[in-house]
């Protein structure tokens, strides 16, 4: 497993998704990772209907495999996790 790459998928789910969406197979051209472009853009509790959006982000990740892109994913992930929630008069932001 790599630090940056599409998140791993369960084998049974992956087989079924490959049957339904042939492009799904392309996401396996990269080593699975802990941080992904989809993870940065989608909430962790995303609905199952968001799987197509996740696939679009993963395929973009496969297409943009440069070192600069990997650095951008890492920087965005660190920026996102390093922020403390802001609570003010208008509630959490």
C-alpha atoms as a PDB file:
ATOM      1  CA  UNK A   1       0.000   0.000   0.000  1.00  0.00           C
ATOM      2  CA  UNK A   2       1.261   3.446  -0.903  1.00  0.00           C
ATOM      3  CA  UNK A   3       0.777   6.706   0.955  1.00  0.00           C
ATOM      4  CA  UNK A   4      -1.012   8.322  -2.006  1.00  0.00           C
ATOM      5  CA  UNK A   5      -3.291   6.425  -4.370  1.00  0.00           C
ATOM      6  CA  UNK A   6      -6.917   5.391  -4.825  1.00  0.00           C
ATOM      7  CA  UNK A   7      -8.381   3.848  -1.689  1.00  0.00           C
ATOM      8  CA  UNK A   8      -8.493   0.045  -1.709  1.00  0.00           C
ATOM      9  CA  UNK A   9     -11.783  -1.669  -2.522  1.00  0.00           C
ATOM     10  CA  UNK A  10     -13.132  -4.989  -1.301  1.00  0.00           C
ATOM     11  CA  UNK A  11     -12.561  -7.699  -3.875  1.00  0.00           C
ATOM     12  CA  UNK A  12     -16.248  -8.703  -4.120  1.00  0.00           C
ATOM     13  CA  UNK A  13     -17.348  -5.089  -4.554  1.00  0.00           C
ATOM     14  CA  UNK A  14     -14.619  -4.416  -7.098  1.00  0.00           C
ATOM     15  CA  UNK A  15     -15.600  -7.434  -9.209  1.00  0.00           C
ATOM     16  CA  UNK A  16     -19.230  -6.329  -9.271  1.00  0.00           C
ATOM     17  CA  UNK A  17     -18.370  -2.715 -10.060  1.00  0.00           C
ATOM     18  CA  UNK A  18     -16.107  -3.830 -12.923  1.00  0.00           C
ATOM     19  CA  UNK A  19     -19.091  -5.725 -14.357  1.00  0.00           C
ATOM     20  CA  UNK A  20     -21.335  -2.668 -14.042  1.00  0.00           C
ATOM     21  CA  UNK A  21     -18.812   0.052 -14.933  1.00  0.00           C
ATOM     22  CA  UNK A  22     -15.959  -1.240 -17.128  1.00  0.00           C
ATOM     23  CA  UNK A  23     -13.897   1.935 -16.522  1.00  0.00           C
ATOM     24  CA  UNK A  24     -13.711   0.944 -12.834  1.00  0.00           C
ATOM     25  CA  UNK A  25     -10.883  -1.467 -13.730  1.00  0.00           C
ATOM     26  CA  UNK A  26      -8.568   1.465 -14.566  1.00  0.00           C
ATOM     27  CA  UNK A  27      -8.402   2.580 -10.924  1.00  0.00           C
ATOM     28  CA  UNK A  28      -6.405  -0.586 -10.200  1.00  0.00           C
ATOM     29  CA  UNK A  29      -3.534   0.584 -12.413  1.00  0.00           C
ATOM     30  CA  UNK A  30      -2.183   2.419  -9.336  1.00  0.00           C
ATOM     31  CA  UNK A  31      -1.178   0.940  -6.016  1.00  0.00           C
ATOM     32  CA  UNK A  32      -3.896   1.573  -3.404  1.00  0.00           C
ATOM     33  CA  UNK A  33      -3.091   4.320  -0.937  1.00  0.00           C
ATOM     34  CA  UNK A  34      -4.088   5.943   2.337  1.00  0.00           C
ATOM     35  CA  UNK A  35      -4.724   9.364   0.761  1.00  0.00           C
ATOM     36  CA  UNK A  36      -6.572   9.916  -2.476  1.00  0.00           C
ATOM     37  CA  UNK A  37      -7.939  12.730  -4.614  1.00  0.00           C
ATOM     38  CA  UNK A  38     -11.451  11.378  -4.004  1.00  0.00           C
ATOM     39  CA  UNK A  39     -10.915  11.328  -0.250  1.00  0.00           C
ATOM     40  CA  UNK A  40     -10.005  15.017  -0.286  1.00  0.00           C
ATOM     41  CA  UNK A  41     -13.098  16.003  -2.264  1.00  0.00           C
ATOM     42  CA  UNK A  42     -15.760  13.665  -0.838  1.00  0.00           C
ATOM     43  CA  UNK A  43     -16.958  13.254   2.712  1.00  0.00           C
ATOM     44  CA  UNK A  44     -16.038  10.001   4.452  1.00  0.00           C
ATOM     45  CA  UNK A  45     -19.728   9.254   5.066  1.00  0.00           C
ATOM     46  CA  UNK A  46     -20.639   9.716   1.397  1.00  0.00           C
ATOM     47  CA  UNK A  47     -23.775   7.943   0.252  1.00  0.00           C
ATOM     48  CA  UNK A  48     -23.510   4.891  -2.002  1.00  0.00           C
ATOM     49  CA  UNK A  49     -24.818   7.061  -4.832  1.00  0.00           C
ATOM     50  CA  UNK A  50     -21.556   9.016  -4.591  1.00  0.00           C
ATOM     51  CA  UNK A  51     -19.584   6.003  -5.867  1.00  0.00           C
ATOM     52  CA  UNK A  52     -19.676   7.361  -9.414  1.00  0.00           C
ATOM     53  CA  UNK A  53     -18.258  10.658  -8.181  1.00  0.00           C
ATOM     54  CA  UNK A  54     -15.581   8.706  -6.286  1.00  0.00           C
ATOM     55  CA  UNK A  55     -14.787   6.796  -9.483  1.00  0.00           C
ATOM     56  CA  UNK A  56     -14.434  10.065 -11.424  1.00  0.00           C
ATOM     57  CA  UNK A  57     -11.974  11.400  -8.841  1.00  0.00           C
ATOM     58  CA  UNK A  58     -10.075   8.093  -8.845  1.00  0.00           C
ATOM     59  CA  UNK A  59      -9.820   8.050 -12.644  1.00  0.00           C
ATOM     60  CA  UNK A  60      -8.550  11.629 -12.572  1.00  0.00           C
ATOM     61  CA  UNK A  61      -5.984  10.476 -10.000  1.00  0.00           C
ATOM     62  CA  UNK A  62      -4.918   7.655 -12.345  1.00  0.00           C
ATOM     63  CA  UNK A  63      -4.576  10.129 -15.235  1.00  0.00           C
ATOM     64  CA  UNK A  64      -2.563  12.660 -13.203  1.00  0.00           C
ATOM     65  CA  UNK A  65       0.154  10.468 -11.711  1.00  0.00           C
ATOM     66  CA  UNK A  66       2.936  13.045 -11.667  1.00  0.00           C
ATOM     67  CA  UNK A  67       5.060  13.763  -8.628  1.00  0.00           C
ATOM     68  CA  UNK A  68       3.619  17.291  -8.530  1.00  0.00           C
ATOM     69  CA  UNK A  69       0.086  15.884  -8.344  1.00  0.00           C
ATOM     70  CA  UNK A  70       1.085  13.486  -5.559  1.00  0.00           C
ATOM     71  CA  UNK A  71       2.557  16.451  -3.654  1.00  0.00           C
ATOM     72  CA  UNK A  72      -0.672  18.409  -4.149  1.00  0.00           C
ATOM     73  CA  UNK A  73      -2.753  15.532  -2.757  1.00  0.00           C
ATOM     74  CA  UNK A  74      -0.469  15.324   0.270  1.00  0.00           C
ATOM     75  CA  UNK A  75      -0.511  19.099   0.823  1.00  0.00           C
ATOM     76  CA  UNK A  76      -4.300  19.296   0.590  1.00  0.00           C
ATOM     77  CA  UNK A  77      -4.708  16.341   2.935  1.00  0.00           C
ATOM     78  CA  UNK A  78      -2.356  17.885   5.497  1.00  0.00           C
ATOM     79  CA  UNK A  79      -4.099  21.255   5.198  1.00  0.00           C
ATOM     80  CA  UNK A  80      -7.508  19.630   5.658  1.00  0.00           C
ATOM     81  CA  UNK A  81      -6.541  17.505   8.667  1.00  0.00           C
ATOM     82  CA  UNK A  82      -4.474  20.254  10.278  1.00  0.00           C
ATOM     83  CA  UNK A  83      -7.381  22.689  10.619  1.00  0.00           C
ATOM     84  CA  UNK A  84      -9.201  22.998  13.905  1.00  0.00           C
ATOM     85  CA  UNK A  85     -12.966  23.476  13.655  1.00  0.00           C
ATOM     86  CA  UNK A  86     -13.936  27.138  13.881  1.00  0.00           C
ATOM     87  CA  UNK A  87     -16.777  27.872  16.298  1.00  0.00           C
ATOM     88  CA  UNK A  88     -18.144  31.378  16.368  1.00  0.00           C
ATOM     89  CA  UNK A  89     -21.357  33.301  16.702  1.00  0.00           C
ATOM     90  CA  UNK A  90     -22.640  31.673  13.511  1.00  0.00           C
ATOM     91  CA  UNK A  91     -21.895  28.096  14.609  1.00  0.00           C
ATOM     92  CA  UNK A  92     -19.274  25.699  13.283  1.00  0.00           C
ATOM     93  CA  UNK A  93     -17.822  26.541   9.886  1.00  0.00           C
END
